[in-house]
PDB file of N, CA and C in Angstrom:
ATOM      1  N   MET A   1     -43.472 -88.513  30.077  1.00  0.00           N
ATOM      2  CA  MET A   1     -44.550 -88.207  31.003  1.00  0.00           C
ATOM      3  C   MET A   1     -43.963 -88.123  32.409  1.00  0.00           C
ATOM      4  N   ALA A   2     -44.292 -87.055  33.111  1.00  0.00           N
ATOM      5  CA  ALA A   2     -43.795 -86.850  34.466  1.00  0.00           C
ATOM      6  C   ALA A   2     -44.566 -87.732  35.443  1.00  0.00           C
ATOM      7  N   VAL A   3     -43.849 -88.276  36.399  1.00  0.00           N
ATOM      8  CA  VAL A   3     -44.453 -89.118  37.418  1.00  0.00           C
ATOM      9  C   VAL A   3     -44.632 -88.282  38.677  1.00  0.00           C
ATOM     10  N   GLU A   4     -45.849 -88.297  39.194  1.00  0.00           N
ATOM     11  CA  GLU A   4     -46.116 -87.552  40.416  1.00  0.00           C
ATOM     12  C   GLU A   4     -45.516 -88.277  41.614  1.00  0.00           C
ATOM     13  N   PRO A   5     -44.945 -87.542  42.564  1.00  0.00           N
ATOM     14  CA  PRO A   5     -44.422 -88.198  43.757  1.00  0.00           C
ATOM     15  C   PRO A   5     -45.557 -88.785  44.576  1.00  0.00           C
ATOM     16  N   LEU A   6     -45.255 -89.876  45.267  1.00  0.00           N
ATOM     17  CA  LEU A   6     -46.266 -90.527  46.092  1.00  0.00           C
ATOM     18  C   LEU A   6     -46.405 -89.823  47.427  1.00  0.00           C
ATOM     19  N   ASP A   7     -47.622 -89.675  47.874  1.00  0.00           N
ATOM     20  CA  ASP A   7     -47.914 -89.131  49.190  1.00  0.00           C
ATOM     21  C   ASP A   7     -48.004 -90.336  50.141  1.00  0.00           C
ATOM     22  N   THR A   8     -46.873 -90.678  50.737  1.00  0.00           N
ATOM     23  CA  THR A   8     -46.827 -91.905  51.551  1.00  0.00           C
ATOM     24  C   THR A   8     -47.735 -91.822  52.769  1.00  0.00           C
ATOM     25  N   ALA A   9     -47.943 -90.649  53.326  1.00  0.00           N
ATOM     26  CA  ALA A   9     -48.839 -90.517  54.470  1.00  0.00           C
ATOM     27  C   ALA A   9     -50.275 -90.832  54.042  1.00  0.00           C
ATOM     28  N   ALA A  10     -50.690 -90.327  52.898  1.00  0.00           N
ATOM     29  CA  ALA A  10     -52.048 -90.596  52.402  1.00  0.00           C
ATOM     30  C   ALA A  10     -52.199 -92.075  52.052  1.00  0.00           C
ATOM     31  N   LEU A  11     -51.169 -92.670  51.495  1.00  0.00           N
ATOM     32  CA  LEU A  11     -51.225 -94.102  51.188  1.00  0.00           C
ATOM     33  C   LEU A  11     -51.367 -94.919  52.456  1.00  0.00           C
ATOM     34  N   ALA A  12     -50.642 -94.554  53.474  1.00  0.00           N
ATOM     35  CA  ALA A  12     -50.718 -95.267  54.749  1.00  0.00           C
ATOM     36  C   ALA A  12     -52.120 -95.130  55.356  1.00  0.00           C
ATOM     37  N   GLN A  13     -52.730 -93.940  55.233  1.00  0.00           N
ATOM     38  CA  GLN A  13     -54.083 -93.726  55.745  1.00  0.00           C
ATOM     39  C   GLN A  13     -55.084 -94.606  55.012  1.00  0.00           C
ATOM     40  N   ARG A  14     -54.957 -94.701  53.692  1.00  0.00           N
ATOM     41  CA  ARG A  14     -55.868 -95.534  52.907  1.00  0.00           C
ATOM     42  C   ARG A  14     -55.707 -97.011  53.262  1.00  0.00           C
ATOM     43  N   LEU A  15     -54.472 -97.457  53.420  1.00  0.00           N
ATOM     44  CA  LEU A  15     -54.240 -98.843  53.806  1.00  0.00           C
ATOM     45  C   LEU A  15     -54.818 -99.113  55.201  1.00  0.00           C
ATOM     46  N   ALA A  16     -54.586 -98.198  56.123  1.00  0.00           N
ATOM     47  CA  ALA A  16     -55.119 -98.359  57.482  1.00  0.00           C
ATOM     48  C   ALA A  16     -56.637 -98.428  57.454  1.00  0.00           C
ATOM     49  N   GLY A  17     -57.266 -97.627  56.602  1.00  0.00           N
ATOM     50  CA  GLY A  17     -58.726 -97.665  56.475  1.00  0.00           C
ATOM     51  C   GLY A  17     -59.210 -99.001  55.966  1.00  0.00           C
ATOM     52  N   ALA A  18     -58.502 -99.550  54.982  1.00  0.00           N
ATOM     53  CA  ALA A  18     -58.894-100.841  54.409  1.00  0.00           C
ATOM     54  C   ALA A  18     -58.724-101.977  55.405  1.00  0.00           C
ATOM     55  N   LEU A  19     -57.717-101.885  56.241  1.00  0.00           N
ATOM     56  CA  LEU A  19     -57.445-102.960  57.206  1.00  0.00           C
ATOM     57  C   LEU A  19     -58.440-103.019  58.359  1.00  0.00           C
ATOM     58  N   ARG A  20     -59.272-102.017  58.469  1.00  0.00           N
ATOM     59  CA  ARG A  20     -60.273-101.990  59.548  1.00  0.00           C
ATOM     60  C   ARG A  20     -61.431-102.967  59.292  1.00  0.00           C
ATOM     61  N   PHE A  21     -61.554-103.422  58.062  1.00  0.00           N
ATOM     62  CA  PHE A  21     -62.662-104.323  57.716  1.00  0.00           C
ATOM     63  C   PHE A  21     -62.232-105.767  57.927  1.00  0.00           C
ATOM     64  N   ARG A  22     -63.075-106.519  58.595  1.00  0.00           N
ATOM     65  CA  ARG A  22     -62.775-107.934  58.883  1.00  0.00           C
ATOM     66  C   ARG A  22     -63.318-108.798  57.750  1.00  0.00           C
ATOM     67  N   THR A  23     -62.627-108.791  56.651  1.00  0.00           N
ATOM     68  CA  THR A  23     -63.049-109.554  55.465  1.00  0.00           C
ATOM     69  C   THR A  23     -62.410-110.939  55.537  1.00  0.00           C
ATOM     70  N   VAL A  24     -63.009-111.783  56.356  1.00  0.00           N
ATOM     71  CA  VAL A  24     -62.491-113.128  56.590  1.00  0.00           C
ATOM     72  C   VAL A  24     -63.485-114.125  56.020  1.00  0.00           C
ATOM     73  N   SER A  25     -62.976-115.078  55.260  1.00  0.00           N
ATOM     74  CA  SER A  25     -63.811-116.176  54.761  1.00  0.00           C
ATOM     75  C   SER A  25     -63.589-117.392  55.642  1.00  0.00           C
ATOM     76  N   TYR A  26     -64.665-118.020  56.002  1.00  0.00           N
ATOM     77  CA  TYR A  26     -64.611-119.213  56.843  1.00  0.00           C
ATOM     78  C   TYR A  26     -65.225-120.384  56.093  1.00  0.00           C
ATOM     79  N   GLN A  27     -64.780-121.583  56.420  1.00  0.00           N
ATOM     80  CA  GLN A  27     -65.426-122.763  55.860  1.00  0.00           C
ATOM     81  C   GLN A  27     -66.843-122.883  56.393  1.00  0.00           C
ATOM     82  N   ASP A  28     -67.054-122.446  57.608  1.00  0.00           N
ATOM     83  CA  ASP A  28     -68.386-122.441  58.219  1.00  0.00           C
ATOM     84  C   ASP A  28     -69.091-121.170  57.756  1.00  0.00           C
ATOM     85  N   SER A  29     -70.000-121.302  56.812  1.00  0.00           N
ATOM     86  CA  SER A  29     -70.632-120.124  56.209  1.00  0.00           C
ATOM     87  C   SER A  29     -71.491-119.330  57.201  1.00  0.00           C
ATOM     88  N   SER A  30     -71.850-119.924  58.319  1.00  0.00           N
ATOM     89  CA  SER A  30     -72.631-119.182  59.319  1.00  0.00           C
ATOM     90  C   SER A  30     -71.798-118.092  59.991  1.00  0.00           C
ATOM     91  N   ARG A  31     -70.493-118.158  59.883  1.00  0.00           N
ATOM     92  CA  ARG A  31     -69.603-117.148  60.480  1.00  0.00           C
ATOM     93  C   ARG A  31     -69.321-115.988  59.520  1.00  0.00           C
ATOM     94  N   PHE A  32     -69.754-116.124  58.269  1.00  0.00           N
ATOM     95  CA  PHE A  32     -69.495-115.105  57.250  1.00  0.00           C
ATOM     96  C   PHE A  32     -70.282-113.834  57.562  1.00  0.00           C
ATOM     97  N   ASP A  33     -69.596-112.689  57.573  1.00  0.00           N
ATOM     98  CA  ASP A  33     -70.234-111.403  57.867  1.00  0.00           C
ATOM     99  C   ASP A  33     -70.256-110.563  56.593  1.00  0.00           C
ATOM    100  N   ALA A  34     -71.355-110.621  55.873  1.00  0.00           N
ATOM    101  CA  ALA A  34     -71.484-109.896  54.605  1.00  0.00           C
ATOM    102  C   ALA A  34     -71.337-108.387  54.801  1.00  0.00           C
ATOM    103  N   ARG A  35     -71.743-107.874  55.956  1.00  0.00           N
ATOM    104  CA  ARG A  35     -71.650-106.418  56.188  1.00  0.00           C
ATOM    105  C   ARG A  35     -70.215-105.918  56.111  1.00  0.00           C
ATOM    106  N   GLU A  36     -69.266-106.710  56.570  1.00  0.00           N
ATOM    107  CA  GLU A  36     -67.865-106.301  56.499  1.00  0.00           C
ATOM    108  C   GLU A  36     -67.403-106.198  55.042  1.00  0.00           C
ATOM    109  N   PHE A  37     -67.790-107.165  54.233  1.00  0.00           N
ATOM    110  CA  PHE A  37     -67.422-107.150  52.823  1.00  0.00           C
ATOM    111  C   PHE A  37     -68.101-105.996  52.088  1.00  0.00           C
ATOM    112  N   GLU A  38     -69.358-105.770  52.381  1.00  0.00           N
ATOM    113  CA  GLU A  38     -70.084-104.669  51.758  1.00  0.00           C
ATOM    114  C   GLU A  38     -69.478-103.323  52.149  1.00  0.00           C
ATOM    115  N   GLY A  39     -69.121-103.179  53.418  1.00  0.00           N
ATOM    116  CA  GLY A  39     -68.476-101.942  53.875  1.00  0.00           C
ATOM    117  C   GLY A  39     -67.131-101.735  53.201  1.00  0.00           C
ATOM    118  N   PHE A  40     -66.389-102.802  53.030  1.00  0.00           N
ATOM    119  CA  PHE A  40     -65.086-102.721  52.344  1.00  0.00           C
ATOM    120  C   PHE A  40     -65.272-102.290  50.903  1.00  0.00           C
ATOM    121  N   GLN A  41     -66.281-102.834  50.233  1.00  0.00           N
ATOM    122  CA  GLN A  41     -66.549-102.441  48.844  1.00  0.00           C
ATOM    123  C   GLN A  41     -66.927-100.969  48.763  1.00  0.00           C
ATOM    124  N   ARG A  42     -67.745-100.496  49.699  1.00  0.00           N
ATOM    125  CA  ARG A  42     -68.093 -99.050  49.721  1.00  0.00           C
ATOM    126  C   ARG A  42     -66.859 -98.206  49.984  1.00  0.00           C
ATOM    127  N   TYR A  43     -66.008 -98.658  50.886  1.00  0.00           N
ATOM    128  CA  TYR A  43     -64.779 -97.938  51.197  1.00  0.00           C
ATOM    129  C   TYR A  43     -63.902 -97.805  49.950  1.00  0.00           C
ATOM    130  N   LEU A  44     -63.739 -98.885  49.215  1.00  0.00           N
ATOM    131  CA  LEU A  44     -62.919 -98.852  48.007  1.00  0.00           C
ATOM    132  C   LEU A  44     -63.489 -97.879  46.967  1.00  0.00           C
ATOM    133  N   ARG A  45     -64.817 -97.898  46.781  1.00  0.00           N
ATOM    134  CA  ARG A  45     -65.432 -96.981  45.819  1.00  0.00           C
ATOM    135  C   ARG A  45     -65.220 -95.535  46.231  1.00  0.00           C
ATOM    136  N   ALA A  46     -65.397 -95.250  47.522  1.00  0.00           N
ATOM    137  CA  ALA A  46     -65.258 -93.878  48.006  1.00  0.00           C
ATOM    138  C   ALA A  46     -63.810 -93.413  48.023  1.00  0.00           C
ATOM    139  N   THR A  47     -62.882 -94.303  48.313  1.00  0.00           N
ATOM    140  CA  THR A  47     -61.478 -93.954  48.465  1.00  0.00           C
ATOM    141  C   THR A  47     -60.741 -93.894  47.142  1.00  0.00           C
ATOM    142  N   PHE A  48     -61.181 -94.670  46.174  1.00  0.00           N
ATOM    143  CA  PHE A  48     -60.502 -94.731  44.875  1.00  0.00           C
ATOM    144  C   PHE A  48     -61.501 -94.480  43.748  1.00  0.00           C
ATOM    145  N   PRO A  49     -62.088 -93.286  43.696  1.00  0.00           N
ATOM    146  CA  PRO A  49     -63.113 -93.017  42.664  1.00  0.00           C
ATOM    147  C   PRO A  49     -62.574 -93.058  41.235  1.00  0.00           C
ATOM    148  N   ARG A  50     -61.357 -92.587  41.025  1.00  0.00           N
ATOM    149  CA  ARG A  50     -60.815 -92.613  39.648  1.00  0.00           C
ATOM    150  C   ARG A  50     -60.577 -94.039  39.189  1.00  0.00           C
ATOM    151  N   LEU A  51     -60.114 -94.903  40.085  1.00  0.00           N
ATOM    152  CA  LEU A  51     -59.920 -96.301  39.742  1.00  0.00           C
ATOM    153  C   LEU A  51     -61.251 -96.925  39.326  1.00  0.00           C
ATOM    154  N   HIS A  52     -62.306 -96.650  40.091  1.00  0.00           N
ATOM    155  CA  HIS A  52     -63.603 -97.228  39.774  1.00  0.00           C
ATOM    156  C   HIS A  52     -64.222 -96.621  38.509  1.00  0.00           C
ATOM    157  N   ALA A  53     -63.833 -95.408  38.174  1.00  0.00           N
ATOM    158  CA  ALA A  53     -64.339 -94.794  36.947  1.00  0.00           C
ATOM    159  C   ALA A  53     -63.596 -95.321  35.724  1.00  0.00           C
ATOM    160  N   THR A  54     -62.380 -95.846  35.935  1.00  0.00           N
ATOM    161  CA  THR A  54     -61.537 -96.253  34.819  1.00  0.00           C
ATOM    162  C   THR A  54     -61.560 -97.750  34.571  1.00  0.00           C
ATOM    163  N   LEU A  55     -61.483 -98.539  35.621  1.00  0.00           N
ATOM    164  CA  LEU A  55     -61.387-100.003  35.471  1.00  0.00           C
ATOM    165  C   LEU A  55     -62.761-100.653  35.451  1.00  0.00           C
ATOM    166  N   LYS A  56     -62.814-101.804  34.817  1.00  0.00           N
ATOM    167  CA  LYS A  56     -64.025-102.615  34.818  1.00  0.00           C
ATOM    168  C   LYS A  56     -63.981-103.492  36.072  1.00  0.00           C
ATOM    169  N   LEU A  57     -65.092-103.513  36.808  1.00  0.00           N
ATOM    170  CA  LEU A  57     -65.197-104.303  38.032  1.00  0.00           C
ATOM    171  C   LEU A  57     -66.141-105.471  37.812  1.00  0.00           C
ATOM    172  N   GLU A  58     -65.664-106.655  38.130  1.00  0.00           N
ATOM    173  CA  GLU A  58     -66.503-107.853  38.103  1.00  0.00           C
ATOM    174  C   GLU A  58     -66.546-108.405  39.522  1.00  0.00           C
ATOM    175  N   LYS A  59     -67.755-108.644  40.017  1.00  0.00           N
ATOM    176  CA  LYS A  59     -67.918-109.240  41.341  1.00  0.00           C
ATOM    177  C   LYS A  59     -67.998-110.750  41.175  1.00  0.00           C
ATOM    178  N   VAL A  60     -67.228-111.454  41.965  1.00  0.00           N
ATOM    179  CA  VAL A  60     -67.174-112.914  41.925  1.00  0.00           C
ATOM    180  C   VAL A  60     -67.872-113.426  43.178  1.00  0.00           C
ATOM    181  N   ASN A  61     -68.918-114.201  43.004  1.00  0.00           N
ATOM    182  CA  ASN A  61     -69.697-114.737  44.124  1.00  0.00           C
ATOM    183  C   ASN A  61     -70.221-113.624  45.033  1.00  0.00           C
ATOM    184  N   GLY A  62     -70.451-112.455  44.488  1.00  0.00           N
ATOM    185  CA  GLY A  62     -71.038-111.353  45.230  1.00  0.00           C
ATOM    186  C   GLY A  62     -70.088-110.523  46.049  1.00  0.00           C
ATOM    187  N   TYR A  63     -68.956-111.100  46.469  1.00  0.00           N
ATOM    188  CA  TYR A  63     -68.083-110.366  47.370  1.00  0.00           C
ATOM    189  C   TYR A  63     -66.631-110.292  46.919  1.00  0.00           C
ATOM    190  N   GLY A  64     -66.204-111.182  46.047  1.00  0.00           N
ATOM    191  CA  GLY A  64     -64.870-111.110  45.493  1.00  0.00           C
ATOM    192  C   GLY A  64     -64.821-110.042  44.402  1.00  0.00           C
ATOM    193  N   LEU A  65     -63.754-109.285  44.342  1.00  0.00           N
ATOM    194  CA  LEU A  65     -63.645-108.199  43.381  1.00  0.00           C
ATOM    195  C   LEU A  65     -62.519-108.458  42.401  1.00  0.00           C
ATOM    196  N   LEU A  66     -62.842-108.363  41.115  1.00  0.00           N
ATOM    197  CA  LEU A  66     -61.855-108.539  40.054  1.00  0.00           C
ATOM    198  C   LEU A  66     -61.856-107.291  39.216  1.00  0.00           C
ATOM    199  N   TYR A  67     -60.736-106.579  39.197  1.00  0.00           N
ATOM    200  CA  TYR A  67     -60.596-105.341  38.424  1.00  0.00           C
ATOM    201  C   TYR A  67     -59.811-105.619  37.154  1.00  0.00           C
ATOM    202  N   GLU A  68     -60.314-105.117  36.055  1.00  0.00           N
ATOM    203  CA  GLU A  68     -59.597-105.245  34.764  1.00  0.00           C
ATOM    204  C   GLU A  68     -59.399-103.868  34.186  1.00  0.00           C
TER     205      GLU A  68
END
């Protein structure tokens, strides 16, 4: 099976897009910003549609993502 070459510029763009979300967990739950996590989840679905069509996704505590 032939391996497609990686488009490193596109990979860098996707990583840069993911890093824009402030997905920080704090011990103080009042500082938790669910909108950032929800936006990150939408970004992943939009950016990696084939991954989401192929893998099983389990949400852990509503915001943690486990792909199988």
